C-alpha atoms as a PDB file:
ATOM      1  CA  MET A   1      -5.692  17.584   2.286  1.00  0.00           C
ATOM      2  CA  MET A   2      -1.898  17.530   2.405  1.00  0.00           C
ATOM      3  CA  ILE A   3       0.544  14.697   1.703  1.00  0.00           C
ATOM      4  CA  ARG A   4       3.987  15.034   3.220  1.00  0.00           C
ATOM      5  CA  LYS A   5       7.064  12.905   3.771  1.00  0.00           C
ATOM      6  CA  ILE A   6       7.351  11.379   7.241  1.00  0.00           C
ATOM      7  CA  GLN A   7      10.601  12.025   9.066  1.00  0.00           C
ATOM      8  CA  GLU A   8       9.971   9.652  11.981  1.00  0.00           C
ATOM      9  CA  ILE A   9       7.403   6.853  12.183  1.00  0.00           C
ATOM     10  CA  GLN A  10       5.220   7.163  15.282  1.00  0.00           C
ATOM     11  CA  SER A  11       2.735   4.785  16.901  1.00  0.00           C
ATOM     12  CA  LEU A  12      -0.228   6.275  15.009  1.00  0.00           C
ATOM     13  CA  HIS A  13       1.622   5.593  11.747  1.00  0.00           C
ATOM     14  CA  TYR A  14       2.205   1.975  12.823  1.00  0.00           C
ATOM     15  CA  ASP A  15      -1.494   1.599  13.677  1.00  0.00           C
ATOM     16  CA  LEU A  16      -2.401   2.668  10.143  1.00  0.00           C
ATOM     17  CA  LEU A  17       0.315   0.540   8.543  1.00  0.00           C
ATOM     18  CA  GLN A  18      -0.832  -2.519  10.461  1.00  0.00           C
ATOM     19  CA  SER A  19      -4.439  -1.991   9.410  1.00  0.00           C
ATOM     20  CA  ALA A  20      -3.176  -2.906   5.914  1.00  0.00           C
ATOM     21  CA  ASP A  21      -0.450  -5.365   6.995  1.00  0.00           C
ATOM     22  CA  PRO A  22      -0.841  -7.104  10.366  1.00  0.00           C
ATOM     23  CA  ASP A  23       2.768  -8.325  10.669  1.00  0.00           C
ATOM     24  CA  HIS A  24       4.646  -5.756  12.785  1.00  0.00           C
ATOM     25  CA  ARG A  25       8.021  -7.326  11.960  1.00  0.00           C
ATOM     26  CA  LEU A  26       7.486  -7.070   8.193  1.00  0.00           C
ATOM     27  CA  VAL A  27       6.136  -3.527   8.476  1.00  0.00           C
ATOM     28  CA  THR A  28       9.150  -2.426  10.520  1.00  0.00           C
ATOM     29  CA  GLU A  29      11.491  -4.005   7.978  1.00  0.00           C
ATOM     30  CA  TYR A  30      10.091  -2.348   4.862  1.00  0.00           C
ATOM     31  CA  VAL A  31       9.476   1.026   6.526  1.00  0.00           C
ATOM     32  CA  LYS A  32      13.252   1.256   7.117  1.00  0.00           C
ATOM     33  CA  ARG A  33      13.940   0.714   3.401  1.00  0.00           C
ATOM     34  CA  GLY A  34      11.060   2.717   1.930  1.00  0.00           C
ATOM     35  CA  VAL A  35       9.928   6.320   1.685  1.00  0.00           C
ATOM     36  CA  CYS A  36       6.913   7.067   3.884  1.00  0.00           C
ATOM     37  CA  PHE A  37       4.258   9.727   3.401  1.00  0.00           C
ATOM     38  CA  GLU A  38       1.349  10.747   5.595  1.00  0.00           C
ATOM     39  CA  VAL A  39      -1.966  12.284   4.608  1.00  0.00           C
ATOM     40  CA  ILE A  40      -3.169  15.144   6.783  1.00  0.00           C
ATOM     41  CA  LEU A  41      -6.800  16.228   6.735  1.00  0.00           C
ATOM     42  CA  ASN A  42      -8.306  18.649   9.263  1.00  0.00           C
ATOM     43  CA  GLU A  43      -4.990  18.547  11.178  1.00  0.00           C
ATOM     44  CA  GLN A  44      -5.265  14.750  11.631  1.00  0.00           C
ATOM     45  CA  ILE A  45      -3.219  11.916  10.153  1.00  0.00           C
ATOM     46  CA  VAL A  46      -5.774   9.998   8.085  1.00  0.00           C
ATOM     47  CA  GLY A  47      -3.600   7.991   5.704  1.00  0.00           C
ATOM     48  CA  ILE A  48      -0.165   6.561   5.092  1.00  0.00           C
ATOM     49  CA  LEU A  49       1.761   5.484   2.010  1.00  0.00           C
ATOM     50  CA  VAL A  50       5.056   3.582   1.785  1.00  0.00           C
ATOM     51  CA  LEU A  51       6.979   3.472  -1.495  1.00  0.00           C
ATOM     52  CA  LEU A  52       9.880   1.099  -2.047  1.00  0.00           C
ATOM     53  CA  PRO A  53      12.241   0.848  -5.033  1.00  0.00           C
ATOM     54  CA  THR A  54      12.332  -2.868  -5.836  1.00  0.00           C
ATOM     55  CA  ARG A  55      14.242  -3.068  -9.123  1.00  0.00           C
ATOM     56  CA  PRO A  56      15.867  -0.548 -11.444  1.00  0.00           C
ATOM     57  CA  GLU A  57      13.119   1.746 -12.747  1.00  0.00           C
ATOM     58  CA  THR A  58      10.427   0.032 -10.610  1.00  0.00           C
ATOM     59  CA  LEU A  59       8.726   1.490  -7.553  1.00  0.00           C
ATOM     60  CA  GLU A  60       6.314  -0.514  -5.408  1.00  0.00           C
ATOM     61  CA  ILE A  61       3.470   0.806  -3.307  1.00  0.00           C
ATOM     62  CA  ILE A  62       4.324  -1.497  -0.420  1.00  0.00           C
ATOM     63  CA  ASN A  63       1.684  -0.194   2.002  1.00  0.00           C
ATOM     64  CA  ILE A  64      -1.256   2.143   1.632  1.00  0.00           C
ATOM     65  CA  ALA A  65      -3.858   2.684   4.342  1.00  0.00           C
ATOM     66  CA  VAL A  66      -6.629   5.119   5.215  1.00  0.00           C
ATOM     67  CA  SER A  67      -8.238   5.432   8.664  1.00  0.00           C
ATOM     68  CA  ASP A  68     -11.549   3.586   8.808  1.00  0.00           C
ATOM     69  CA  HIS A  69     -13.494   6.780   9.459  1.00  0.00           C
ATOM     70  CA  TYR A  70     -12.102   8.424   6.295  1.00  0.00           C
ATOM     71  CA  GLN A  71     -12.456   5.523   3.854  1.00  0.00           C
ATOM     72  CA  GLY A  72     -14.710   6.003   0.853  1.00  0.00           C
ATOM     73  CA  GLN A  73     -13.818   9.685   0.502  1.00  0.00           C
ATOM     74  CA  GLY A  74     -11.259   9.430  -2.314  1.00  0.00           C
ATOM     75  CA  ILE A  75      -8.189   9.610  -0.081  1.00  0.00           C
ATOM     76  CA  GLY A  76      -6.824   6.245  -1.220  1.00  0.00           C
ATOM     77  CA  GLU A  77      -7.241   7.220  -4.856  1.00  0.00           C
ATOM     78  CA  THR A  78      -5.477  10.545  -4.186  1.00  0.00           C
ATOM     79  CA  MET A  79      -2.567   8.691  -2.557  1.00  0.00           C
ATOM     80  CA  ILE A  80      -2.271   6.329  -5.532  1.00  0.00           C
ATOM     81  CA  HIS A  81      -2.138   9.260  -7.957  1.00  0.00           C
ATOM     82  CA  PHE A  82       0.441  10.896  -5.684  1.00  0.00           C
ATOM     83  CA  ALA A  83       2.545   7.700  -5.866  1.00  0.00           C
ATOM     84  CA  LEU A  84       2.271   7.607  -9.672  1.00  0.00           C
ATOM     85  CA  ASP A  85       3.323  11.274  -9.911  1.00  0.00           C
ATOM     86  CA  HIS A  86       6.198  10.660  -7.481  1.00  0.00           C
ATOM     87  CA  ALA A  87       7.352   7.749  -9.645  1.00  0.00           C
ATOM     88  CA  LYS A  88       7.293   9.879 -12.816  1.00  0.00           C
ATOM     89  CA  GLN A  89       9.166  12.752 -11.159  1.00  0.00           C
ATOM     90  CA  ASN A  90      11.845  10.325  -9.944  1.00  0.00           C
ATOM     91  CA  HIS A  91      12.256   8.624 -13.334  1.00  0.00           C
ATOM     92  CA  TYR A  92      10.702   5.267 -12.522  1.00  0.00           C
ATOM     93  CA  LYS A  93       9.039   3.496 -15.442  1.00  0.00           C
ATOM     94  CA  THR A  94       6.776   1.064 -13.592  1.00  0.00           C
ATOM     95  CA  VAL A  95       4.751   1.170 -10.382  1.00  0.00           C
ATOM     96  CA  GLU A  96       3.710  -2.115  -8.798  1.00  0.00           C
ATOM     97  CA  ILE A  97       1.332  -2.991  -6.003  1.00  0.00           C
ATOM     98  CA  GLY A  98       0.336  -6.273  -4.388  1.00  0.00           C
ATOM     99  CA  THR A  99      -2.789  -7.117  -2.464  1.00  0.00           C
ATOM    100  CA  GLY A 100      -4.635 -10.111  -1.139  1.00  0.00           C
ATOM    101  CA  SER A 101      -6.748 -12.155  -3.511  1.00  0.00           C
ATOM    102  CA  THR A 102      -9.634 -11.623  -1.066  1.00  0.00           C
ATOM    103  CA  SER A 103      -9.117  -7.821  -0.909  1.00  0.00           C
ATOM    104  CA  LEU A 104     -12.026  -7.021  -3.194  1.00  0.00           C
ATOM    105  CA  GLY A 105     -12.244  -3.289  -2.466  1.00  0.00           C
ATOM    106  CA  GLN A 106      -8.515  -2.786  -2.964  1.00  0.00           C
ATOM    107  CA  LEU A 107      -8.524  -4.753  -6.231  1.00  0.00           C
ATOM    108  CA  TYR A 108     -11.337  -2.529  -7.497  1.00  0.00           C
ATOM    109  CA  LEU A 109      -9.532   0.665  -6.460  1.00  0.00           C
ATOM    110  CA  TYR A 110      -6.197  -0.291  -8.007  1.00  0.00           C
ATOM    111  CA  GLN A 111      -7.799  -1.254 -11.317  1.00  0.00           C
ATOM    112  CA  LYS A 112      -9.894   1.944 -11.255  1.00  0.00           C
ATOM    113  CA  CYS A 113      -6.569   3.841 -10.979  1.00  0.00           C
ATOM    114  CA  GLY A 114      -5.172   2.097 -14.073  1.00  0.00           C
ATOM    115  CA  PHE A 115      -3.302  -0.865 -12.615  1.00  0.00           C
ATOM    116  CA  ARG A 116      -3.478  -4.173 -14.478  1.00  0.00           C
ATOM    117  CA  MET A 117      -2.990  -7.629 -13.016  1.00  0.00           C
ATOM    118  CA  SER A 118       0.485  -8.936 -13.704  1.00  0.00           C
ATOM    119  CA  GLY A 119       0.712 -12.103 -11.617  1.00  0.00           C
ATOM    120  CA  ILE A 120      -0.279 -14.170  -8.633  1.00  0.00           C
ATOM    121  CA  ASP A 121       2.102 -15.153  -5.847  1.00  0.00           C
ATOM    122  CA  ARG A 122       0.457 -18.369  -4.703  1.00  0.00           C
ATOM    123  CA  ASP A 123       0.467 -19.013  -0.938  1.00  0.00           C
ATOM    124  CA  PHE A 124       2.304 -15.722  -0.248  1.00  0.00           C
ATOM    125  CA  PHE A 125       0.345 -15.086   2.948  1.00  0.00           C
ATOM    126  CA  VAL A 126       0.712 -18.699   4.078  1.00  0.00           C
ATOM    127  CA  ARG A 127       4.513 -18.524   3.672  1.00  0.00           C
ATOM    128  CA  HIS A 128       5.115 -15.055   5.125  1.00  0.00           C
ATOM    129  CA  TYR A 129       2.536 -14.705   7.932  1.00  0.00           C
ATOM    130  CA  LYS A 130       2.426 -16.983  10.945  1.00  0.00           C
ATOM    131  CA  ASP A 131      -1.214 -16.191  11.755  1.00  0.00           C
ATOM    132  CA  GLU A 132      -4.027 -17.011   9.365  1.00  0.00           C
ATOM    133  CA  ILE A 133      -5.685 -13.940   7.814  1.00  0.00           C
ATOM    134  CA  VAL A 134      -9.421 -14.006   7.111  1.00  0.00           C
ATOM    135  CA  GLU A 135     -10.854 -11.306   4.882  1.00  0.00           C
ATOM    136  CA  ASN A 136     -14.362 -11.145   3.415  1.00  0.00           C
ATOM    137  CA  LYS A 137     -15.036 -14.500   5.132  1.00  0.00           C
ATOM    138  CA  LEU A 138     -12.270 -16.160   3.092  1.00  0.00           C
ATOM    139  CA  ILE A 139      -8.854 -17.402   4.224  1.00  0.00           C
ATOM    140  CA  LEU A 140      -6.245 -15.239   2.531  1.00  0.00           C
ATOM    141  CA  LYS A 141      -3.563 -17.271   0.789  1.00  0.00           C
ATOM    142  CA  ASP A 142      -2.511 -15.615  -2.481  1.00  0.00           C
ATOM    143  CA  MET A 143      -1.139 -12.182  -3.359  1.00  0.00           C
ATOM    144  CA  VAL A 144      -2.345 -10.578  -6.570  1.00  0.00           C
ATOM    145  CA  ARG A 145       0.338  -8.443  -8.215  1.00  0.00           C
ATOM    146  CA  LEU A 146      -0.671  -5.415 -10.310  1.00  0.00           C
ATOM    147  CA  SER A 147       1.435  -2.924 -12.232  1.00  0.00           C
ATOM    148  CA  GLN A 148       1.219   0.233 -14.299  1.00  0.00           C
ATOM    149  CA  ASP A 149       3.711   1.939 -16.566  1.00  0.00           C
ATOM    150  CA  VAL A 150       4.140   5.646 -15.848  1.00  0.00           C
END
């Protein structure tokens, strides 16, 4: 498995990004401001990671996605550790990540990787997404914020 910086976002990248964030407009906006990495396995793009400096000394994992076929194989965890290492090497002190309150698998993964809950942005998905999002048979409304010092 190889993780490398993306020079130009292609349609396959957008497909992966939108599997984690369905709003094409928002994805396009933060991809322009962030640093994007792709995960290559068996000569295929199987994952994507977008990192965005949000405040001095703070880096946010703004999007992380793994192709459905490759989920459950440790790729997401590898990308998170890559992001934490990248943050350390670039002198950030904190890494943040946000996910839906109904994103049970993601919440488990992030906590497994050492993130701790730091807040809830109530009605985030109601305010920022025009279409209702249903996940795990629940209407997604709130964003759970997690962070980790590096």
